[in-house]
Amino acid sequence: MFYAKFFAKRFVAIVITLAAVIAISYIMMYCSPGGFMNTTQLASSLAPLAAQDPAAYQKLMEQFQLRYGLNLPLWHQVLLYEWHTFTLNFGNSMQNPTLSIMSQLKTALPISVILAFSSVVLSVVVGIPMGIIAAIKRNTWVDYLVTTLSMFGQAIPSFVLAVIFVLLFGVEWQNVLPVTGWGTVPEAVLPVVSLAAGNIGVVARYMRGSLIETMRQDFIRTAKAKGVKYWPLVLKHGVKNSLTALITVIGPQFAFSVVGAVWVENIFAIPGLGKVISTAFTNFDFPLAITAVFILGATIMLTNLAVDVIYAVMDPRVKLQ
C-alpha cells in the first residue's frame, strides 16, 4: 500500500512536470522569430513559386499549417502536442515528412545513452578511488590535490572542455585521438572524458565526505576495538557503507549526462540525440523538437525515481517519501 501510494504520487508529479516542460518548450519555439517554412533552404526553394504563383504558394502554406495544426490557436496547438506526446503518437518530422520520428531517434538515442553511461562509469571508476585516497590522507597535500582537481573538473563545463580537446587534438596534437565521428574506442575517448570530468569531481568530493563521516560512526569504533585491521576496516566497513549514500549522486549523473551529451555531440560531430535536437530547434521542426524534449525530461525524472527505489532497497532504514 505504501509503495503504491508513493508511485502514484510520483507518477502524477512526473506527468505534470513533463506537461509543463512540453508547453514551455512549444511556446518558446512558437514565439521565436522565423518558422519552418522560413528557413534559409526552404525559403530559397519556395521563392520562385511565391513570385510566379502567389495563390499556389498561399495554398501550399495553408496545407502545411493544416497538416501540423499550426492554423489553430496557440492554446489548442499546445494541448494537441501534449496529447500526441503522452499517447506516444509522435508522427513524422517536418524535415522528413515520410520518415517517422521514432525511426530517426532509434539510431540517435542509443548513441547518447551509451555516451552518457560510459561517462558515468568512468566517473565512478576514477572518482571513488580519488575520494577514498583524499579521505584517508585527510588534510595532507594529497587531500588538497584531489580536492583541487575535483573543483577544477566541476568548474569547467563539458562543452568548454570539449572545445579545448578539439583545439588540442585537432590542431596541436593531430593523429593522436580523433575529434570527430563515432563507432570506435578512440573516437569515444574525448567525448566520454569531456562528459565525465565534472562528474569525477562530484563523485570524488562526495565519496571523501561520506567516508570521513562513516569512519566517525560508533560501529567503526567498535570494529576497531575488536581488533579489525586498518585496511579491512576502511574498505569492508567504511567504503561499503559510504557507497550506499553515493547512489544519490551517481544516479542523477546519468540523466544529466544525457542532457550534457547534447552539446558534446555537436562539438565532436557525433550522430546522437544532440544533433537531432539542434537540427530540430534550428529548423523549427515542432514535432521532432517536442519529442526530443519529452525524451530528455522523461529520462531525468525516471532516473531520479529509480535512484529513490534502489536507495530504499539497499538501505532498509530509508523509507520512500
Protein backbone atom coordinates (compact mmCIF):
# COMPACT_ATOMS: atom_id res chain seq x y z
CA MET A 1 0.00 0.00 0.00
CA PHE A 2 2.80 2.38 0.92
CA TYR A 3 4.72 1.69 -2.32
CA ALA A 4 1.58 2.05 -4.42
CA LYS A 5 0.89 5.45 -2.88
CA PHE A 6 4.48 6.52 -3.45
CA PHE A 7 4.50 5.52 -7.13
CA ALA A 8 1.09 7.10 -7.71
CA LYS A 9 2.26 10.44 -6.30
CA ARG A 10 5.50 10.34 -8.26
CA PHE A 11 3.69 9.39 -11.47
CA VAL A 12 1.33 12.34 -11.15
CA ALA A 13 4.26 14.67 -10.43
CA ILE A 14 6.17 13.36 -13.47
CA VAL A 15 3.19 13.82 -15.79
CA ILE A 16 2.54 17.38 -14.58
CA THR A 17 6.21 18.33 -14.88
CA LEU A 18 6.56 16.86 -18.36
CA ALA A 19 3.39 18.63 -19.46
CA ALA A 20 4.79 21.94 -18.22
CA VAL A 21 8.15 21.31 -19.93
CA ILE A 22 6.44 20.50 -23.25
CA ALA A 23 4.19 23.56 -23.03
CA ILE A 24 7.05 25.94 -22.23
CA SER A 25 9.24 24.49 -25.00
CA TYR A 26 6.48 24.74 -27.57
CA ILE A 27 5.54 28.30 -26.62
CA MET A 28 9.19 29.39 -26.79
CA MET A 29 9.55 27.92 -30.28
CA TYR A 30 6.23 29.40 -31.36
CA CYS A 31 7.18 32.89 -30.18
CA SER A 32 10.65 32.77 -31.71
CA PRO A 33 11.08 34.78 -34.96
CA GLY A 34 11.04 32.70 -38.11
CA GLY A 35 9.46 29.32 -38.75
CA PHE A 36 9.99 26.06 -40.56
CA MET A 37 8.80 27.43 -43.91
CA ASN A 38 11.04 30.48 -43.47
CA THR A 39 14.31 28.59 -43.00
CA THR A 40 17.01 29.56 -45.47
CA GLN A 41 16.91 26.42 -47.60
CA LEU A 42 13.12 26.22 -47.87
CA ALA A 43 12.66 29.95 -48.33
CA SER A 44 15.10 29.98 -51.26
CA SER A 45 13.44 26.96 -52.88
CA LEU A 46 9.92 28.41 -52.46
CA ALA A 47 10.83 31.95 -53.53
CA PRO A 48 10.22 31.30 -57.27
CA LEU A 49 6.78 29.81 -56.53
CA ALA A 50 5.85 32.77 -54.32
CA ALA A 51 6.83 35.18 -57.09
CA GLN A 52 5.27 33.30 -60.04
CA ASP A 53 2.09 31.97 -58.46
CA PRO A 54 1.17 33.63 -55.14
CA ALA A 55 -2.12 31.72 -54.99
CA ALA A 56 -0.39 28.35 -55.24
CA TYR A 57 2.16 29.42 -52.65
CA GLN A 58 -0.58 30.51 -50.27
CA LYS A 59 -2.41 27.21 -50.78
CA LEU A 60 0.77 25.30 -50.05
CA MET A 61 1.28 27.25 -46.82
CA GLU A 62 -2.30 26.59 -45.73
CA GLN A 63 -1.94 22.85 -46.38
CA PHE A 64 1.28 22.77 -44.39
CA GLN A 65 -0.26 24.61 -41.42
CA LEU A 66 -3.32 22.37 -41.54
CA ARG A 67 -1.20 19.19 -41.51
CA TYR A 68 0.73 20.19 -38.39
CA GLY A 69 -2.05 22.12 -36.65
CA LEU A 70 -0.27 25.48 -36.97
CA ASN A 71 -3.53 27.15 -38.05
CA LEU A 72 -5.06 26.55 -34.63
CA PRO A 73 -4.91 28.94 -31.64
CA LEU A 74 -1.77 28.63 -29.55
CA TRP A 75 -3.51 27.00 -26.58
CA HIS A 76 -5.08 24.45 -28.92
CA GLN A 77 -1.71 23.67 -30.50
CA VAL A 78 -0.13 23.13 -27.09
CA LEU A 79 -2.88 20.75 -25.98
CA LEU A 80 -2.69 18.91 -29.31
CA TYR A 81 1.05 18.31 -28.97
CA GLU A 82 0.61 17.37 -25.31
CA TRP A 83 -1.92 14.71 -26.29
CA HIS A 84 0.18 13.33 -29.14
CA THR A 85 3.28 13.18 -26.96
CA PHE A 86 1.72 11.44 -23.95
CA THR A 87 -0.05 8.94 -26.21
CA LEU A 88 3.34 8.29 -27.88
CA ASN A 89 1.89 9.31 -31.24
CA PHE A 90 4.96 11.29 -32.29
CA GLY A 91 4.15 11.24 -36.01
CA ASN A 92 6.58 12.43 -38.67
CA SER A 93 9.02 15.33 -38.56
CA MET A 94 8.68 18.39 -40.77
CA GLN A 95 12.14 17.92 -42.24
CA ASN A 96 11.40 14.33 -43.30
CA PRO A 97 7.61 14.05 -43.78
CA THR A 98 7.86 10.44 -44.99
CA LEU A 99 10.05 9.32 -42.07
CA SER A 100 8.63 8.72 -38.60
CA ILE A 101 10.25 10.45 -35.65
CA MET A 102 10.81 7.17 -33.83
CA SER A 103 12.80 5.80 -36.76
CA GLN A 104 15.07 8.87 -36.58
CA LEU A 105 15.52 8.55 -32.83
CA LYS A 106 16.05 4.79 -33.00
CA THR A 107 19.65 5.26 -34.10
CA ALA A 108 20.39 8.57 -32.35
CA LEU A 109 19.12 7.83 -28.84
CA PRO A 110 21.25 4.68 -28.20
CA ILE A 111 24.39 6.65 -29.07
CA SER A 112 23.57 9.32 -26.48
CA VAL A 113 22.71 6.68 -23.86
CA ILE A 114 25.98 4.81 -24.46
CA LEU A 115 27.95 8.06 -24.29
CA ALA A 116 26.26 9.11 -21.04
CA PHE A 117 26.58 5.65 -19.47
CA SER A 118 30.27 5.44 -20.39
CA SER A 119 30.94 8.83 -18.81
CA VAL A 120 29.20 7.79 -15.58
CA VAL A 121 31.18 4.53 -15.43
CA LEU A 122 34.42 6.48 -15.93
CA SER A 123 33.45 8.97 -13.22
CA VAL A 124 32.76 6.14 -10.77
CA VAL A 125 35.93 4.20 -11.62
CA VAL A 126 38.12 7.30 -11.22
CA GLY A 127 36.14 9.35 -8.69
CA ILE A 128 35.64 6.72 -5.97
CA PRO A 129 39.37 5.88 -5.58
CA MET A 130 40.18 9.60 -5.60
CA GLY A 131 37.65 10.19 -2.82
CA ILE A 132 38.94 7.27 -0.76
CA ILE A 133 42.54 8.45 -1.05
CA ALA A 134 41.55 12.01 -0.12
CA ALA A 135 39.63 10.78 2.95
CA ILE A 136 42.49 8.53 4.10
CA LYS A 137 45.04 11.31 3.57
CA ARG A 138 42.79 13.97 5.05
CA ASN A 139 44.35 17.44 5.47
CA THR A 140 47.54 16.44 3.63
CA TRP A 141 48.87 17.59 0.28
CA VAL A 142 47.26 14.54 -1.34
CA ASP A 143 43.85 15.58 0.00
CA TYR A 144 44.36 19.15 -1.18
CA LEU A 145 45.47 17.96 -4.63
CA VAL A 146 42.44 15.70 -5.07
CA THR A 147 40.09 18.43 -3.85
CA THR A 148 41.65 20.99 -6.20
CA LEU A 149 41.42 18.65 -9.20
CA SER A 150 37.82 17.85 -8.30
CA MET A 151 36.84 21.51 -8.13
CA PHE A 152 38.74 22.20 -11.34
CA GLY A 153 36.80 19.45 -13.14
CA GLN A 154 33.48 20.75 -11.82
CA ALA A 155 34.28 24.35 -12.73
CA ILE A 156 34.81 23.67 -16.45
CA PRO A 157 31.58 22.88 -18.35
CA SER A 158 31.68 19.77 -20.51
CA PHE A 159 31.18 21.71 -23.75
CA VAL A 160 34.08 24.06 -22.91
CA LEU A 161 36.33 21.10 -22.18
CA ALA A 162 35.18 19.54 -25.46
CA VAL A 163 36.22 22.67 -27.37
CA ILE A 164 39.62 22.62 -25.64
CA PHE A 165 40.08 18.98 -26.64
CA VAL A 166 39.19 19.78 -30.25
CA LEU A 167 41.75 22.59 -30.32
CA LEU A 168 44.46 20.44 -28.74
CA PHE A 169 43.92 17.14 -30.54
CA GLY A 170 42.63 18.63 -33.77
CA VAL A 171 45.35 21.27 -34.20
CA GLU A 172 48.29 20.81 -31.84
CA TRP A 173 48.37 17.02 -31.38
CA GLN A 174 46.95 15.74 -34.62
CA ASN A 175 46.61 11.99 -35.26
CA VAL A 176 46.75 11.23 -31.51
CA LEU A 177 42.99 10.92 -31.00
CA PRO A 178 40.15 11.63 -33.46
CA VAL A 179 38.00 14.67 -32.74
CA THR A 180 35.03 13.68 -34.93
CA GLY A 181 32.98 10.58 -35.53
CA TRP A 182 31.59 7.71 -33.52
CA GLY A 183 31.88 3.95 -33.66
CA THR A 184 35.36 3.10 -32.41
CA VAL A 185 37.00 3.29 -28.99
CA PRO A 186 39.47 6.08 -29.95
CA GLU A 187 36.58 8.20 -31.26
CA ALA A 188 34.77 7.82 -27.92
CA VAL A 189 37.68 8.80 -25.67
CA LEU A 190 37.47 12.59 -25.89
CA PRO A 191 33.64 12.86 -25.72
CA VAL A 192 33.47 10.50 -22.74
CA VAL A 193 36.25 12.32 -20.87
CA SER A 194 34.60 15.68 -21.60
CA LEU A 195 31.35 14.50 -20.04
CA ALA A 196 32.98 12.62 -17.16
CA ALA A 197 35.36 15.35 -15.93
CA GLY A 198 32.76 17.24 -13.91
CA ASN A 199 31.15 14.04 -12.63
CA ILE A 200 34.52 12.73 -11.45
CA GLY A 201 34.88 15.80 -9.26
CA VAL A 202 31.38 15.34 -7.82
CA VAL A 203 31.93 11.65 -7.04
CA ALA A 204 35.38 12.24 -5.53
CA ARG A 205 34.24 15.03 -3.22
CA TYR A 206 31.08 13.22 -2.16
CA MET A 207 32.99 9.98 -1.55
CA ARG A 208 35.55 11.83 0.52
CA GLY A 209 32.95 13.48 2.74
CA SER A 210 30.85 10.33 3.06
CA LEU A 211 33.83 8.16 4.03
CA ILE A 212 35.09 10.68 6.59
CA GLU A 213 31.62 10.79 8.16
CA THR A 214 31.31 6.99 8.13
CA MET A 215 34.68 6.49 9.83
CA ARG A 216 33.40 8.58 12.76
CA GLN A 217 30.45 6.27 13.42
CA ASP A 218 30.18 4.09 16.52
CA PHE A 219 30.25 0.80 14.63
CA ILE A 220 33.68 1.75 13.22
CA ARG A 221 34.99 2.35 16.74
CA THR A 222 33.50 -0.99 17.83
CA ALA A 223 35.16 -2.84 14.94
CA LYS A 224 38.46 -1.13 15.73
CA ALA A 225 38.16 -2.12 19.38
CA LYS A 226 37.61 -5.74 18.32
CA GLY A 227 40.95 -5.71 16.58
CA VAL A 228 39.92 -5.28 12.95
CA LYS A 229 42.96 -4.18 10.96
CA TYR A 230 43.12 -0.76 9.32
CA TRP A 231 42.60 -1.60 5.63
CA PRO A 232 39.80 -4.15 6.18
CA LEU A 233 38.22 -1.58 8.48
CA VAL A 234 38.36 1.11 5.79
CA LEU A 235 37.44 -0.98 2.77
CA LYS A 236 34.98 -3.50 4.22
CA HIS A 237 33.21 -1.30 6.75
CA GLY A 238 33.89 2.29 5.79
CA VAL A 239 33.77 2.26 1.98
CA LYS A 240 30.93 -0.28 1.81
CA ASN A 241 28.64 1.87 3.96
CA SER A 242 29.69 5.06 2.19
CA LEU A 243 28.77 3.69 -1.24
CA THR A 244 25.11 3.44 -0.28
CA ALA A 245 24.84 7.20 0.13
CA LEU A 246 26.81 7.71 -3.09
CA ILE A 247 23.90 6.28 -5.12
CA THR A 248 22.04 9.57 -4.68
CA VAL A 249 24.84 11.26 -6.62
CA ILE A 250 25.65 8.63 -9.24
CA GLY A 251 22.03 8.09 -10.30
CA PRO A 252 21.15 11.61 -11.43
CA GLN A 253 24.54 11.89 -13.13
CA PHE A 254 23.36 9.56 -15.86
CA ALA A 255 20.31 11.69 -16.59
CA PHE A 256 22.27 14.94 -16.64
CA SER A 257 25.00 13.31 -18.73
CA VAL A 258 22.39 12.55 -21.40
CA VAL A 259 21.47 16.24 -21.38
CA GLY A 260 25.14 17.29 -21.43
CA ALA A 261 25.75 14.94 -24.34
CA VAL A 262 23.55 17.20 -26.46
CA TRP A 263 26.28 19.85 -26.51
CA VAL A 264 29.26 17.50 -26.63
CA GLU A 265 27.83 15.53 -29.55
CA ASN A 266 27.55 18.65 -31.68
CA ILE A 267 31.15 19.63 -30.97
CA PHE A 268 32.53 16.18 -31.84
CA ALA A 269 30.11 15.64 -34.76
CA ILE A 270 28.53 12.58 -33.13
CA PRO A 271 25.24 11.46 -34.76
CA GLY A 272 23.37 11.25 -31.48
CA LEU A 273 20.39 12.94 -29.89
CA GLY A 274 22.29 16.24 -29.70
CA LYS A 275 22.44 16.55 -33.46
CA VAL A 276 18.75 15.70 -33.75
CA ILE A 277 17.76 18.33 -31.17
CA SER A 278 19.95 21.11 -32.58
CA THR A 279 18.66 20.47 -36.10
CA ALA A 280 15.05 20.32 -34.91
CA PHE A 281 15.15 23.61 -32.98
CA THR A 282 17.19 25.41 -35.63
CA ASN A 283 14.72 24.44 -38.35
CA PHE A 284 11.59 24.93 -36.18
CA ASP A 285 10.68 21.26 -36.55
CA PHE A 286 7.99 21.28 -33.87
CA PRO A 287 7.15 17.53 -33.72
CA LEU A 288 10.78 16.40 -33.58
CA ALA A 289 11.84 19.09 -31.09
CA ILE A 290 8.95 18.41 -28.70
CA THR A 291 9.55 14.65 -28.87
CA ALA A 292 13.26 15.13 -28.06
CA VAL A 293 12.40 17.41 -25.11
CA PHE A 294 9.91 14.83 -23.85
CA ILE A 295 12.50 12.05 -24.01
CA LEU A 296 15.14 14.10 -22.18
CA GLY A 297 12.70 15.16 -19.46
CA ALA A 298 11.36 11.65 -19.01
CA THR A 299 14.90 10.27 -18.78
CA ILE A 300 15.81 12.65 -15.95
CA MET A 301 12.64 12.05 -13.95
CA LEU A 302 12.54 8.27 -14.34
CA THR A 303 16.21 8.02 -13.41
CA ASN A 304 15.59 10.00 -10.23
CA LEU A 305 12.67 7.70 -9.43
CA ALA A 306 14.85 4.63 -9.96
CA VAL A 307 17.52 6.10 -7.67
CA ASP A 308 14.99 6.58 -4.86
CA VAL A 309 13.80 2.99 -5.18
CA ILE A 310 17.32 1.49 -5.35
CA TYR A 311 18.43 3.57 -2.38
CA ALA A 312 15.49 2.34 -0.31
CA VAL A 313 16.15 -1.28 -1.31
CA MET A 314 19.84 -1.12 -0.44
CA ASP A 315 19.27 0.68 2.84
CA PRO A 316 16.16 -0.60 4.66
CA ARG A 317 16.42 2.29 7.11
CA VAL A 318 15.41 4.68 4.35
CA LYS A 319 11.74 5.00 3.51
CA LEU A 320 10.37 6.13 0.17
CA GLN A 321 8.98 9.56 0.88
